[in-house]
Amino acid sequence: MRTTLTIDDDVAFGLKKIQESDPSRPFKQIVNEALRRGLNSSNDKAKRKPFKIKPFNLGLREGLSYDNVEELLDIAEGPNRR
């Protein structure tokens, strides 16, 4: 298939650097390989295990109550926080 693409400068710079490292390969081949890698990496995300956070119960510090937010802020940040 033949088509015209407008490639951003940073992408073109990266592709040209790849071509400089192996000048025997045509630019068309380099672009196609980069596109294939990108498309295949999006498929890899679907196969990955989802990231899960394991919660840890810290409990309440003795003598602290979450009922008075102003008091908690005074303890955490000091009475002159405003």
PDB file of N, CA and C in Angstrom:
ATOM      1  N   MET A   1       0.846  -1.176   0.000  1.00  0.00           N
ATOM      2  CA  MET A   1       0.000   0.000   0.000  1.00  0.00           C
ATOM      3  C   MET A   1       0.893   1.241   0.000  1.00  0.00           C
ATOM      4  N   ARG A   2       0.474   2.206  -0.724  1.00  0.00           N
ATOM      5  CA  ARG A   2       1.245   3.428  -0.842  1.00  0.00           C
ATOM      6  C   ARG A   2       0.423   4.560  -0.239  1.00  0.00           C
ATOM      7  N   THR A   3       1.062   5.355   0.645  1.00  0.00           N
ATOM      8  CA  THR A   3       0.368   6.474   1.260  1.00  0.00           C
ATOM      9  C   THR A   3       1.374   7.566   1.610  1.00  0.00           C
ATOM     10  N   THR A   4       0.866   8.741   1.896  1.00  0.00           N
ATOM     11  CA  THR A   4       1.709   9.858   2.290  1.00  0.00           C
ATOM     12  C   THR A   4       1.498  10.119   3.775  1.00  0.00           C
ATOM     13  N   LEU A   5       2.599  10.236   4.533  1.00  0.00           N
ATOM     14  CA  LEU A   5       2.531  10.503   5.965  1.00  0.00           C
ATOM     15  C   LEU A   5       3.235  11.803   6.280  1.00  0.00           C
ATOM     16  N   THR A   6       2.721  12.515   7.255  1.00  0.00           N
ATOM     17  CA  THR A   6       3.420  13.664   7.802  1.00  0.00           C
ATOM     18  C   THR A   6       3.988  13.216   9.136  1.00  0.00           C
ATOM     19  N   ILE A   7       5.308  13.137   9.219  1.00  0.00           N
ATOM     20  CA  ILE A   7       5.982  12.631  10.413  1.00  0.00           C
ATOM     21  C   ILE A   7       6.520  13.819  11.200  1.00  0.00           C
ATOM     22  N   ASP A   8       6.248  13.825  12.506  1.00  0.00           N
ATOM     23  CA  ASP A   8       6.760  14.890  13.371  1.00  0.00           C
ATOM     24  C   ASP A   8       8.283  14.881  13.358  1.00  0.00           C
ATOM     25  N   ASP A   9       8.861  16.059  13.631  1.00  0.00           N
ATOM     26  CA  ASP A   9      10.315  16.213  13.559  1.00  0.00           C
ATOM     27  C   ASP A   9      11.057  15.267  14.500  1.00  0.00           C
ATOM     28  N   ASP A  10      10.552  15.106  15.730  1.00  0.00           N
ATOM     29  CA  ASP A  10      11.257  14.244  16.680  1.00  0.00           C
ATOM     30  C   ASP A  10      11.226  12.779  16.245  1.00  0.00           C
ATOM     31  N   VAL A  11      10.109  12.351  15.634  1.00  0.00           N
ATOM     32  CA  VAL A  11      10.000  10.975  15.144  1.00  0.00           C
ATOM     33  C   VAL A  11      10.923  10.784  13.946  1.00  0.00           C
ATOM     34  N   ALA A  12      10.933  11.753  13.035  1.00  0.00           N
ATOM     35  CA  ALA A  12      11.805  11.668  11.865  1.00  0.00           C
ATOM     36  C   ALA A  12      13.267  11.638  12.287  1.00  0.00           C
ATOM     37  N   PHE A  13      13.628  12.416  13.308  1.00  0.00           N
ATOM     38  CA  PHE A  13      15.002  12.424  13.813  1.00  0.00           C
ATOM     39  C   PHE A  13      15.380  11.038  14.332  1.00  0.00           C
ATOM     40  N   GLY A  14      14.477  10.416  15.099  1.00  0.00           N
ATOM     41  CA  GLY A  14      14.740   9.079  15.615  1.00  0.00           C
ATOM     42  C   GLY A  14      14.892   8.050  14.506  1.00  0.00           C
ATOM     43  N   LEU A  15      14.037   8.142  13.496  1.00  0.00           N
ATOM     44  CA  LEU A  15      14.127   7.211  12.367  1.00  0.00           C
ATOM     45  C   LEU A  15      15.424   7.415  11.576  1.00  0.00           C
ATOM     46  N   LYS A  16      15.809   8.663  11.401  1.00  0.00           N
ATOM     47  CA  LYS A  16      17.063   8.957  10.674  1.00  0.00           C
ATOM     48  C   LYS A  16      18.276   8.434  11.451  1.00  0.00           C
ATOM     49  N   LYS A  17      18.232   8.516  12.793  1.00  0.00           N
ATOM     50  CA  LYS A  17      19.335   7.984  13.596  1.00  0.00           C
ATOM     51  C   LYS A  17      19.448   6.477  13.416  1.00  0.00           C
ATOM     52  N   ILE A  18      18.303   5.789  13.354  1.00  0.00           N
ATOM     53  CA  ILE A  18      18.322   4.343  13.108  1.00  0.00           C
ATOM     54  C   ILE A  18      18.916   4.064  11.737  1.00  0.00           C
ATOM     55  N   GLN A  19      18.531   4.860  10.752  1.00  0.00           N
ATOM     56  CA  GLN A  19      19.044   4.659   9.397  1.00  0.00           C
ATOM     57  C   GLN A  19      20.552   4.923   9.326  1.00  0.00           C
ATOM     58  N   GLU A  20      21.037   5.899  10.084  1.00  0.00           N
ATOM     59  CA  GLU A  20      22.471   6.187  10.099  1.00  0.00           C
ATOM     60  C   GLU A  20      23.270   5.020  10.670  1.00  0.00           C
ATOM     61  N   SER A  21      22.674   4.309  11.638  1.00  0.00           N
ATOM     62  CA  SER A  21      23.398   3.183  12.236  1.00  0.00           C
ATOM     63  C   SER A  21      23.448   1.981  11.292  1.00  0.00           C
ATOM     64  N   ASP A  22      22.490   1.902  10.356  1.00  0.00           N
ATOM     65  CA  ASP A  22      22.489   0.807   9.372  1.00  0.00           C
ATOM     66  C   ASP A  22      22.046   1.366   8.025  1.00  0.00           C
ATOM     67  N   PRO A  23      22.946   2.037   7.300  1.00  0.00           N
ATOM     68  CA  PRO A  23      22.569   2.717   6.058  1.00  0.00           C
ATOM     69  C   PRO A  23      22.163   1.771   4.921  1.00  0.00           C
ATOM     70  N   SER A  24      22.420   0.477   5.072  1.00  0.00           N
ATOM     71  CA  SER A  24      22.058  -0.452   3.995  1.00  0.00           C
ATOM     72  C   SER A  24      20.545  -0.717   3.956  1.00  0.00           C
ATOM     73  N   ARG A  25      19.871  -0.457   5.067  1.00  0.00           N
ATOM     74  CA  ARG A  25      18.419  -0.682   5.095  1.00  0.00           C
ATOM     75  C   ARG A  25      17.688   0.537   4.545  1.00  0.00           C
ATOM     76  N   PRO A  26      16.685   0.318   3.714  1.00  0.00           N
ATOM     77  CA  PRO A  26      15.918   1.456   3.190  1.00  0.00           C
ATOM     78  C   PRO A  26      15.045   2.085   4.276  1.00  0.00           C
ATOM     79  N   PHE A  27      14.804   3.370   4.112  1.00  0.00           N
ATOM     80  CA  PHE A  27      14.006   4.125   5.084  1.00  0.00           C
ATOM     81  C   PHE A  27      12.619   3.505   5.237  1.00  0.00           C
ATOM     82  N   LYS A  28      12.043   3.046   4.144  1.00  0.00           N
ATOM     83  CA  LYS A  28      10.719   2.426   4.156  1.00  0.00           C
ATOM     84  C   LYS A  28      10.698   1.225   5.108  1.00  0.00           C
ATOM     85  N   GLN A  29      11.734   0.427   5.076  1.00  0.00           N
ATOM     86  CA  GLN A  29      11.808  -0.756   5.931  1.00  0.00           C
ATOM     87  C   GLN A  29      11.917  -0.352   7.408  1.00  0.00           C
ATOM     88  N   ILE A  30      12.697   0.679   7.684  1.00  0.00           N
ATOM     89  CA  ILE A  30      12.863   1.159   9.058  1.00  0.00           C
ATOM     90  C   ILE A  30      11.537   1.662   9.613  1.00  0.00           C
ATOM     91  N   VAL A  31      10.796   2.432   8.814  1.00  0.00           N
ATOM     92  CA  VAL A  31       9.501   2.953   9.250  1.00  0.00           C
ATOM     93  C   VAL A  31       8.528   1.808   9.494  1.00  0.00           C
ATOM     94  N   ASN A  32       8.462   0.842   8.586  1.00  0.00           N
ATOM     95  CA  ASN A  32       7.543  -0.282   8.747  1.00  0.00           C
ATOM     96  C   ASN A  32       7.871  -1.099   9.993  1.00  0.00           C
ATOM     97  N   GLU A  33       9.149  -1.334  10.263  1.00  0.00           N
ATOM     98  CA  GLU A  33       9.531  -2.087  11.451  1.00  0.00           C
ATOM     99  C   GLU A  33       9.167  -1.341  12.728  1.00  0.00           C
ATOM    100  N   ALA A  34       9.361  -0.024  12.733  1.00  0.00           N
ATOM    101  CA  ALA A  34       9.011   0.779  13.906  1.00  0.00           C
ATOM    102  C   ALA A  34       7.503   0.753  14.148  1.00  0.00           C
ATOM    103  N   LEU A  35       6.733   0.850  13.077  1.00  0.00           N
ATOM    104  CA  LEU A  35       5.276   0.791  13.212  1.00  0.00           C
ATOM    105  C   LEU A  35       4.831  -0.581  13.722  1.00  0.00           C
ATOM    106  N   ARG A  36       5.439  -1.648  13.212  1.00  0.00           N
ATOM    107  CA  ARG A  36       5.094  -2.999  13.679  1.00  0.00           C
ATOM    108  C   ARG A  36       5.399  -3.159  15.166  1.00  0.00           C
ATOM    109  N   ARG A  37       6.578  -2.672  15.587  1.00  0.00           N
ATOM    110  CA  ARG A  37       6.930  -2.767  17.010  1.00  0.00           C
ATOM    111  C   ARG A  37       5.915  -2.025  17.866  1.00  0.00           C
ATOM    112  N   GLY A  38       5.519  -0.841  17.431  1.00  0.00           N
ATOM    113  CA  GLY A  38       4.536  -0.071  18.179  1.00  0.00           C
ATOM    114  C   GLY A  38       3.186  -0.761  18.244  1.00  0.00           C
ATOM    115  N   LEU A  39       2.760  -1.311  17.139  1.00  0.00           N
ATOM    116  CA  LEU A  39       1.474  -2.007  17.123  1.00  0.00           C
ATOM    117  C   LEU A  39       1.512  -3.272  17.974  1.00  0.00           C
ATOM    118  N   ASN A  40       2.617  -3.993  17.938  1.00  0.00           N
ATOM    119  CA  ASN A  40       2.732  -5.212  18.740  1.00  0.00           C
ATOM    120  C   ASN A  40       2.832  -4.905  20.222  1.00  0.00           C
ATOM    121  N   SER A  41       3.453  -3.790  20.583  1.00  0.00           N
ATOM    122  CA  SER A  41       3.563  -3.458  22.003  1.00  0.00           C
ATOM    123  C   SER A  41       2.207  -3.114  22.593  1.00  0.00           C
ATOM    124  N   SER A  42       1.291  -2.573  21.789  1.00  0.00           N
ATOM    125  CA  SER A  42      -0.048  -2.292  22.313  1.00  0.00           C
ATOM    126  C   SER A  42      -0.798  -3.587  22.581  1.00  0.00           C
ATOM    127  N   ASN A  43      -0.493  -4.647  21.825  1.00  0.00           N
ATOM    128  CA  ASN A  43      -1.109  -5.946  22.084  1.00  0.00           C
ATOM    129  C   ASN A  43      -0.536  -6.579  23.340  1.00  0.00           C
ATOM    130  N   ASP A  44       0.720  -6.293  23.653  1.00  0.00           N
ATOM    131  CA  ASP A  44       1.358  -6.848  24.844  1.00  0.00           C
ATOM    132  C   ASP A  44       0.699  -6.323  26.113  1.00  0.00           C
ATOM    133  N   LYS A  45       0.207  -5.103  26.081  1.00  0.00           N
ATOM    134  CA  LYS A  45      -0.430  -4.523  27.261  1.00  0.00           C
ATOM    135  C   LYS A  45      -1.660  -5.311  27.663  1.00  0.00           C
ATOM    136  N   ALA A  46      -2.383  -5.842  26.690  1.00  0.00           N
ATOM    137  CA  ALA A  46      -3.585  -6.612  27.002  1.00  0.00           C
ATOM    138  C   ALA A  46      -3.219  -7.932  27.679  1.00  0.00           C
ATOM    139  N   LYS A  47      -2.019  -8.455  27.423  1.00  0.00           N
ATOM    140  CA  LYS A  47      -1.602  -9.729  27.990  1.00  0.00           C
ATOM    141  C   LYS A  47      -0.993  -9.578  29.384  1.00  0.00           C
ATOM    142  N   ARG A  48      -0.594  -8.389  29.753  1.00  0.00           N
ATOM    143  CA  ARG A  48       0.052  -8.176  31.041  1.00  0.00           C
ATOM    144  C   ARG A  48      -0.932  -8.343  32.188  1.00  0.00           C
ATOM    145  N   LYS A  49      -0.393  -8.780  33.326  1.00  0.00           N
ATOM    146  CA  LYS A  49      -1.203  -8.878  34.528  1.00  0.00           C
ATOM    147  C   LYS A  49      -1.506  -7.468  35.032  1.00  0.00           C
ATOM    148  N   PRO A  50      -2.722  -7.204  35.461  1.00  0.00           N
ATOM    149  CA  PRO A  50      -3.019  -5.862  35.967  1.00  0.00           C
ATOM    150  C   PRO A  50      -2.240  -5.584  37.260  1.00  0.00           C
ATOM    151  N   PHE A  51      -1.835  -4.333  37.401  1.00  0.00           N
ATOM    152  CA  PHE A  51      -1.103  -3.901  38.589  1.00  0.00           C
ATOM    153  C   PHE A  51      -2.082  -3.736  39.732  1.00  0.00           C
ATOM    154  N   LYS A  52      -1.764  -4.351  40.857  1.00  0.00           N
ATOM    155  CA  LYS A  52      -2.638  -4.241  42.026  1.00  0.00           C
ATOM    156  C   LYS A  52      -1.835  -3.715  43.205  1.00  0.00           C
ATOM    157  N   ILE A  53      -2.470  -2.857  43.968  1.00  0.00           N
ATOM    158  CA  ILE A  53      -1.863  -2.314  45.174  1.00  0.00           C
ATOM    159  C   ILE A  53      -2.394  -3.103  46.359  1.00  0.00           C
ATOM    160  N   LYS A  54      -1.470  -3.572  47.177  1.00  0.00           N
ATOM    161  CA  LYS A  54      -1.873  -4.313  48.368  1.00  0.00           C
ATOM    162  C   LYS A  54      -1.936  -3.334  49.539  1.00  0.00           C
ATOM    163  N   PRO A  55      -3.119  -3.103  50.075  1.00  0.00           N
ATOM    164  CA  PRO A  55      -3.239  -2.149  51.182  1.00  0.00           C
ATOM    165  C   PRO A  55      -2.669  -2.727  52.471  1.00  0.00           C
ATOM    166  N   PHE A  56      -2.198  -1.844  53.303  1.00  0.00           N
ATOM    167  CA  PHE A  56      -1.655  -2.213  54.592  1.00  0.00           C
ATOM    168  C   PHE A  56      -2.366  -1.385  55.640  1.00  0.00           C
ATOM    169  N   ASN A  57      -2.979  -2.035  56.616  1.00  0.00           N
ATOM    170  CA  ASN A  57      -3.731  -1.335  57.641  1.00  0.00           C
ATOM    171  C   ASN A  57      -2.771  -0.708  58.635  1.00  0.00           C
ATOM    172  N   LEU A  58      -2.718   0.612  58.653  1.00  0.00           N
ATOM    173  CA  LEU A  58      -1.837   1.317  59.575  1.00  0.00           C
ATOM    174  C   LEU A  58      -2.487   1.533  60.935  1.00  0.00           C
ATOM    175  N   GLY A  59      -3.790   1.411  60.979  1.00  0.00           N
ATOM    176  CA  GLY A  59      -4.485   1.613  62.246  1.00  0.00           C
ATOM    177  C   GLY A  59      -4.469   3.074  62.663  1.00  0.00           C
ATOM    178  N   LEU A  60      -5.053   3.350  63.789  1.00  0.00           N
ATOM    179  CA  LEU A  60      -5.064   4.707  64.338  1.00  0.00           C
ATOM    180  C   LEU A  60      -3.973   4.846  65.377  1.00  0.00           C
ATOM    181  N   ARG A  61      -3.302   5.981  65.356  1.00  0.00           N
ATOM    182  CA  ARG A  61      -2.352   6.263  66.418  1.00  0.00           C
ATOM    183  C   ARG A  61      -3.115   6.515  67.701  1.00  0.00           C
ATOM    184  N   GLU A  62      -2.582   6.041  68.780  1.00  0.00           N
ATOM    185  CA  GLU A  62      -3.265   6.200  70.053  1.00  0.00           C
ATOM    186  C   GLU A  62      -3.456   7.683  70.384  1.00  0.00           C
ATOM    187  N   GLY A  63      -4.642   8.015  70.776  1.00  0.00           N
ATOM    188  CA  GLY A  63      -4.944   9.387  71.146  1.00  0.00           C
ATOM    189  C   GLY A  63      -5.400  10.263  69.985  1.00  0.00           C
ATOM    190  N   LEU A  64      -5.390   9.743  68.746  1.00  0.00           N
ATOM    191  CA  LEU A  64      -5.840  10.521  67.595  1.00  0.00           C
ATOM    192  C   LEU A  64      -7.260  10.134  67.228  1.00  0.00           C
ATOM    193  N   SER A  65      -8.002  11.134  66.814  1.00  0.00           N
ATOM    194  CA  SER A  65      -9.361  10.899  66.351  1.00  0.00           C
ATOM    195  C   SER A  65      -9.528  11.648  65.039  1.00  0.00           C
ATOM    196  N   TYR A  66     -10.192  11.013  64.094  1.00  0.00           N
ATOM    197  CA  TYR A  66     -10.430  11.670  62.808  1.00  0.00           C
ATOM    198  C   TYR A  66     -11.657  12.584  62.851  1.00  0.00           C
ATOM    199  N   ASP A  67     -12.277  12.699  63.987  1.00  0.00           N
ATOM    200  CA  ASP A  67     -13.490  13.499  64.098  1.00  0.00           C
ATOM    201  C   ASP A  67     -13.199  14.997  64.046  1.00  0.00           C
ATOM    202  N   ASN A  68     -12.035  15.431  64.508  1.00  0.00           N
ATOM    203  CA  ASN A  68     -11.704  16.852  64.531  1.00  0.00           C
ATOM    204  C   ASN A  68     -10.540  17.103  63.567  1.00  0.00           C
ATOM    205  N   VAL A  69     -10.874  17.531  62.359  1.00  0.00           N
ATOM    206  CA  VAL A  69      -9.876  17.748  61.315  1.00  0.00           C
ATOM    207  C   VAL A  69      -8.939  18.897  61.679  1.00  0.00           C
ATOM    208  N   GLU A  70      -9.431  19.940  62.269  1.00  0.00           N
ATOM    209  CA  GLU A  70      -8.594  21.088  62.660  1.00  0.00           C
ATOM    210  C   GLU A  70      -7.498  20.653  63.626  1.00  0.00           C
ATOM    211  N   GLU A  71      -7.848  19.804  64.573  1.00  0.00           N
ATOM    212  CA  GLU A  71      -6.869  19.320  65.544  1.00  0.00           C
ATOM    213  C   GLU A  71      -5.791  18.471  64.840  1.00  0.00           C
ATOM    214  N   LEU A  72      -6.210  17.633  63.899  1.00  0.00           N
ATOM    215  CA  LEU A  72      -5.257  16.818  63.147  1.00  0.00           C
ATOM    216  C   LEU A  72      -4.300  17.693  62.337  1.00  0.00           C
ATOM    217  N   LEU A  73      -4.837  18.745  61.708  1.00  0.00           N
ATOM    218  CA  LEU A  73      -3.986  19.649  60.934  1.00  0.00           C
ATOM    219  C   LEU A  73      -3.006  20.390  61.839  1.00  0.00           C
ATOM    220  N   ASP A  74      -3.449  20.763  63.022  1.00  0.00           N
ATOM    221  CA  ASP A  74      -2.552  21.419  63.978  1.00  0.00           C
ATOM    222  C   ASP A  74      -1.404  20.492  64.366  1.00  0.00           C
ATOM    223  N   ILE A  75      -1.718  19.220  64.560  1.00  0.00           N
ATOM    224  CA  ILE A  75      -0.682  18.249  64.926  1.00  0.00           C
ATOM    225  C   ILE A  75       0.276  18.036  63.762  1.00  0.00           C
ATOM    226  N   ALA A  76      -0.257  17.888  62.556  1.00  0.00           N
ATOM    227  CA  ALA A  76       0.562  17.571  61.388  1.00  0.00           C
ATOM    228  C   ALA A  76       1.375  18.769  60.895  1.00  0.00           C
ATOM    229  N   GLU A  77       0.762  19.949  60.854  1.00  0.00           N
ATOM    230  CA  GLU A  77       1.397  21.109  60.234  1.00  0.00           C
ATOM    231  C   GLU A  77       1.737  22.226  61.209  1.00  0.00           C
ATOM    232  N   GLY A  78       1.285  22.120  62.407  1.00  0.00           N
ATOM    233  CA  GLY A  78       1.544  23.170  63.387  1.00  0.00           C
ATOM    234  C   GLY A  78       0.406  24.162  63.445  1.00  0.00           C
ATOM    235  N   PRO A  79       0.286  24.862  64.563  1.00  0.00           N
ATOM    236  CA  PRO A  79      -0.841  25.791  64.744  1.00  0.00           C
ATOM    237  C   PRO A  79      -0.768  27.023  63.844  1.00  0.00           C
ATOM    238  N   ASN A  80       0.394  27.349  63.293  1.00  0.00           N
ATOM    239  CA  ASN A  80       0.537  28.541  62.434  1.00  0.00           C
ATOM    240  C   ASN A  80       0.472  28.188  60.948  1.00  0.00           C
ATOM    241  N   ARG A  81      -0.271  27.179  60.579  1.00  0.00           N
ATOM    242  CA  ARG A  81      -0.307  26.698  59.186  1.00  0.00           C
ATOM    243  C   ARG A  81      -1.030  27.634  58.243  1.00  0.00           C
ATOM    244  N   ARG A  82      -1.826  28.551  58.771  1.00  0.00           N
ATOM    245  CA  ARG A  82      -2.634  29.416  57.896  1.00  0.00           C
ATOM    246  C   ARG A  82      -1.884  30.605  57.453  1.00  0.00           C
TER     247      ARG A  82
END
